[in-house]
Amino acid sequence: MFREIIDHLDSSKFIESFEVMEYYDEENVKLIKIRANLKNSSISYIREFIKADGSNYSYHWQDSTGKLLLRWDNAPHHPHITTFPHHFHSGNQIKATYRVTIKEVLEEIEKFLD
C-alpha cells in the first residue's frame, strides 16, 4: 500500500521533491508520513496510519504561506456529513466524500495546477 503512494509521487509531473518524514511497518501497525514539495511552491502532507481496528488518513495540500487549499481525511469530527467519517475540506467548506486514493488526490490537485 505505501509503495503505491511513493510510486505515484515519483511519477507525478508536478511534484518537485518529497521526503518520508516518518515510516514504520510493524505487524499490527503501519504508518507513513510524507511532505511533498510541488513545483508551484505549494506543499502536500500525506499521512496513512493502519492498525488492527481501522485506518486513519489525511491528504493535505496548502499554499506556500500555509493556507489550506484542499484536504481529504477521516478524522471523526464532522458527524453531520453523510459520508462520515470521510470528508473533504476546500478552503472553509467541508463536503462529503468517499475514501480517496493518492492517485485520485494527485489527479484533483493537478486540475488546479493545469
C-alpha atoms as a PDB file:
ATOM      1  CA  MET A   1       0.000   0.000   0.000  1.00  0.00           C
ATOM      2  CA  PHE A   2       2.714   2.515   0.947  1.00  0.00           C
ATOM      3  CA  ARG A   3       4.713   1.554  -2.140  1.00  0.00           C
ATOM      4  CA  GLU A   4       1.758   2.778  -4.238  1.00  0.00           C
ATOM      5  CA  ILE A   5       1.937   6.204  -2.572  1.00  0.00           C
ATOM      6  CA  ILE A   6       5.668   6.505  -3.282  1.00  0.00           C
ATOM      7  CA  ASP A   7       5.214   5.322  -6.876  1.00  0.00           C
ATOM      8  CA  HIS A   8       2.511   7.922  -7.582  1.00  0.00           C
ATOM      9  CA  LEU A   9       4.613  10.716  -6.086  1.00  0.00           C
ATOM     10  CA  ASP A  10       7.629   9.568  -8.114  1.00  0.00           C
ATOM     11  CA  SER A  11       5.658   9.627 -11.359  1.00  0.00           C
ATOM     12  CA  SER A  12       3.778  12.896 -10.763  1.00  0.00           C
ATOM     13  CA  LYS A  13       4.797  15.677 -13.141  1.00  0.00           C
ATOM     14  CA  PHE A  14       4.060  18.427 -10.596  1.00  0.00           C
ATOM     15  CA  ILE A  15       5.881  17.034  -7.542  1.00  0.00           C
ATOM     16  CA  GLU A  16       9.284  18.718  -7.234  1.00  0.00           C
ATOM     17  CA  SER A  17      10.507  16.544  -4.360  1.00  0.00           C
ATOM     18  CA  PHE A  18       9.230  14.620  -1.378  1.00  0.00           C
ATOM     19  CA  GLU A  19      10.547  13.309   1.913  1.00  0.00           C
ATOM     20  CA  VAL A  20       9.286  10.427   4.021  1.00  0.00           C
ATOM     21  CA  MET A  21       9.139  12.077   7.444  1.00  0.00           C
ATOM     22  CA  GLU A  22       8.086   9.003   9.390  1.00  0.00           C
ATOM     23  CA  TYR A  23       7.675   5.360   8.465  1.00  0.00           C
ATOM     24  CA  TYR A  24       7.154   2.133  10.283  1.00  0.00           C
ATOM     25  CA  ASP A  25       5.805  -1.201   9.262  1.00  0.00           C
ATOM     26  CA  GLU A  26       5.056  -3.431  12.223  1.00  0.00           C
ATOM     27  CA  GLU A  27       2.806  -6.480  12.205  1.00  0.00           C
ATOM     28  CA  ASN A  28      -0.196  -4.650  13.719  1.00  0.00           C
ATOM     29  CA  VAL A  29       0.631  -1.016  12.977  1.00  0.00           C
ATOM     30  CA  LYS A  30       1.738   0.693   9.781  1.00  0.00           C
ATOM     31  CA  LEU A  31       2.409   4.406   9.343  1.00  0.00           C
ATOM     32  CA  ILE A  32       3.765   6.705   6.681  1.00  0.00           C
ATOM     33  CA  LYS A  33       4.050  10.498   6.783  1.00  0.00           C
ATOM     34  CA  ILE A  34       5.318  12.379   3.749  1.00  0.00           C
ATOM     35  CA  ARG A  35       5.978  16.011   2.905  1.00  0.00           C
ATOM     36  CA  ALA A  36       5.821  16.708  -0.831  1.00  0.00           C
ATOM     37  CA  ASN A  37       7.019  19.964  -2.377  1.00  0.00           C
ATOM     38  CA  LEU A  38       5.157  20.890  -5.535  1.00  0.00           C
ATOM     39  CA  LYS A  39       6.654  22.791  -8.459  1.00  0.00           C
ATOM     40  CA  ASN A  40       4.437  25.818  -7.752  1.00  0.00           C
ATOM     41  CA  SER A  41       5.924  26.087  -4.199  1.00  0.00           C
ATOM     42  CA  SER A  42       2.842  24.614  -2.518  1.00  0.00           C
ATOM     43  CA  ILE A  43       3.178  21.702  -0.089  1.00  0.00           C
ATOM     44  CA  SER A  44       1.298  18.468   0.428  1.00  0.00           C
ATOM     45  CA  TYR A  45       1.325  16.442   3.638  1.00  0.00           C
ATOM     46  CA  ILE A  46       0.319  12.809   3.285  1.00  0.00           C
ATOM     47  CA  ARG A  47      -0.441  10.537   6.236  1.00  0.00           C
ATOM     48  CA  GLU A  48      -1.636   6.928   6.319  1.00  0.00           C
ATOM     49  CA  PHE A  49      -1.976   5.063   9.616  1.00  0.00           C
ATOM     50  CA  ILE A  50      -3.221   1.477   9.609  1.00  0.00           C
ATOM     51  CA  LYS A  51      -3.918  -0.579  12.708  1.00  0.00           C
ATOM     52  CA  ALA A  52      -5.921  -3.679  13.585  1.00  0.00           C
ATOM     53  CA  ASP A  53      -9.128  -1.748  14.318  1.00  0.00           C
ATOM     54  CA  GLY A  54      -9.078   0.511  11.257  1.00  0.00           C
ATOM     55  CA  SER A  55      -7.135   3.211   9.492  1.00  0.00           C
ATOM     56  CA  ASN A  56      -6.702   6.971   9.528  1.00  0.00           C
ATOM     57  CA  TYR A  57      -5.581   9.086   6.614  1.00  0.00           C
ATOM     58  CA  SER A  58      -5.073  12.692   5.647  1.00  0.00           C
ATOM     59  CA  TYR A  59      -4.114  14.161   2.286  1.00  0.00           C
ATOM     60  CA  HIS A  60      -3.453  17.851   2.933  1.00  0.00           C
ATOM     61  CA  TRP A  61      -2.479  20.473   0.344  1.00  0.00           C
ATOM     62  CA  GLN A  62      -1.544  24.045   1.278  1.00  0.00           C
ATOM     63  CA  ASP A  63      -0.008  27.035  -0.412  1.00  0.00           C
ATOM     64  CA  SER A  64       3.487  28.293   0.414  1.00  0.00           C
ATOM     65  CA  THR A  65       2.126  30.514   3.214  1.00  0.00           C
ATOM     66  CA  GLY A  66       0.395  27.597   4.966  1.00  0.00           C
ATOM     67  CA  LYS A  67      -3.138  28.403   3.797  1.00  0.00           C
ATOM     68  CA  LEU A  68      -5.233  25.260   3.345  1.00  0.00           C
ATOM     69  CA  LEU A  69      -6.191  24.594  -0.260  1.00  0.00           C
ATOM     70  CA  LEU A  70      -7.648  21.069  -0.102  1.00  0.00           C
ATOM     71  CA  ARG A  71      -7.698  18.208   2.398  1.00  0.00           C
ATOM     72  CA  TRP A  72      -9.260  14.771   2.415  1.00  0.00           C
ATOM     73  CA  ASP A  73      -9.344  12.926   5.736  1.00  0.00           C
ATOM     74  CA  ASN A  74     -11.338  10.695   8.031  1.00  0.00           C
ATOM     75  CA  ALA A  75     -10.841  12.405  11.384  1.00  0.00           C
ATOM     76  CA  PRO A  76     -14.154  11.812  13.219  1.00  0.00           C
ATOM     77  CA  HIS A  77     -15.057  15.461  13.843  1.00  0.00           C
ATOM     78  CA  HIS A  78     -17.865  16.081  11.317  1.00  0.00           C
ATOM     79  CA  PRO A  79     -20.641  13.579  12.184  1.00  0.00           C
ATOM     80  CA  HIS A  80     -23.230  15.572  10.202  1.00  0.00           C
ATOM     81  CA  ILE A  81     -21.502  14.688   6.899  1.00  0.00           C
ATOM     82  CA  THR A  82     -23.317  11.873   5.067  1.00  0.00           C
ATOM     83  CA  THR A  83     -20.043  10.056   4.360  1.00  0.00           C
ATOM     84  CA  PHE A  84     -18.834  10.348   7.975  1.00  0.00           C
ATOM     85  CA  PRO A  85     -16.043   9.996   8.892  1.00  0.00           C
ATOM     86  CA  HIS A  86     -14.720  10.611   5.353  1.00  0.00           C
ATOM     87  CA  HIS A  87     -14.842  14.276   4.345  1.00  0.00           C
ATOM     88  CA  PHE A  88     -13.197  16.884   2.156  1.00  0.00           C
ATOM     89  CA  HIS A  89     -12.033  20.409   3.034  1.00  0.00           C
ATOM     90  CA  SER A  90     -11.945  23.033   0.310  1.00  0.00           C
ATOM     91  CA  GLY A  91     -10.944  26.284   1.944  1.00  0.00           C
ATOM     92  CA  ASN A  92     -13.506  26.791   4.717  1.00  0.00           C
ATOM     93  CA  GLN A  93     -16.052  24.386   3.226  1.00  0.00           C
ATOM     94  CA  ILE A  94     -16.476  20.796   4.387  1.00  0.00           C
ATOM     95  CA  LYS A  95     -18.058  18.335   1.982  1.00  0.00           C
ATOM     96  CA  ALA A  96     -18.981  14.656   1.824  1.00  0.00           C
ATOM     97  CA  THR A  97     -16.559  12.358   0.026  1.00  0.00           C
ATOM     98  CA  TYR A  98     -15.659   8.715  -0.179  1.00  0.00           C
ATOM     99  CA  ARG A  99     -12.322   7.159   0.822  1.00  0.00           C
ATOM    100  CA  VAL A 100      -9.922   8.513  -1.796  1.00  0.00           C
ATOM    101  CA  THR A 101      -6.619   7.134  -3.022  1.00  0.00           C
ATOM    102  CA  ILE A 102      -3.377   9.027  -3.519  1.00  0.00           C
ATOM    103  CA  LYS A 103      -3.901   8.698  -7.271  1.00  0.00           C
ATOM    104  CA  GLU A 104      -7.271  10.480  -7.036  1.00  0.00           C
ATOM    105  CA  VAL A 105      -5.833  13.193  -4.798  1.00  0.00           C
ATOM    106  CA  LEU A 106      -2.954  13.897  -7.179  1.00  0.00           C
ATOM    107  CA  GLU A 107      -5.342  13.998 -10.135  1.00  0.00           C
ATOM    108  CA  GLU A 108      -7.519  16.544  -8.307  1.00  0.00           C
ATOM    109  CA  ILE A 109      -4.537  18.731  -7.395  1.00  0.00           C
ATOM    110  CA  GLU A 110      -3.330  18.548 -10.995  1.00  0.00           C
ATOM    111  CA  LYS A 111      -6.644  20.073 -12.158  1.00  0.00           C
ATOM    112  CA  PHE A 112      -5.847  23.183 -10.122  1.00  0.00           C
ATOM    113  CA  LEU A 113      -2.291  23.396 -11.422  1.00  0.00           C
ATOM    114  CA  ASP A 114      -3.000  22.999 -15.145  1.00  0.00           C
END
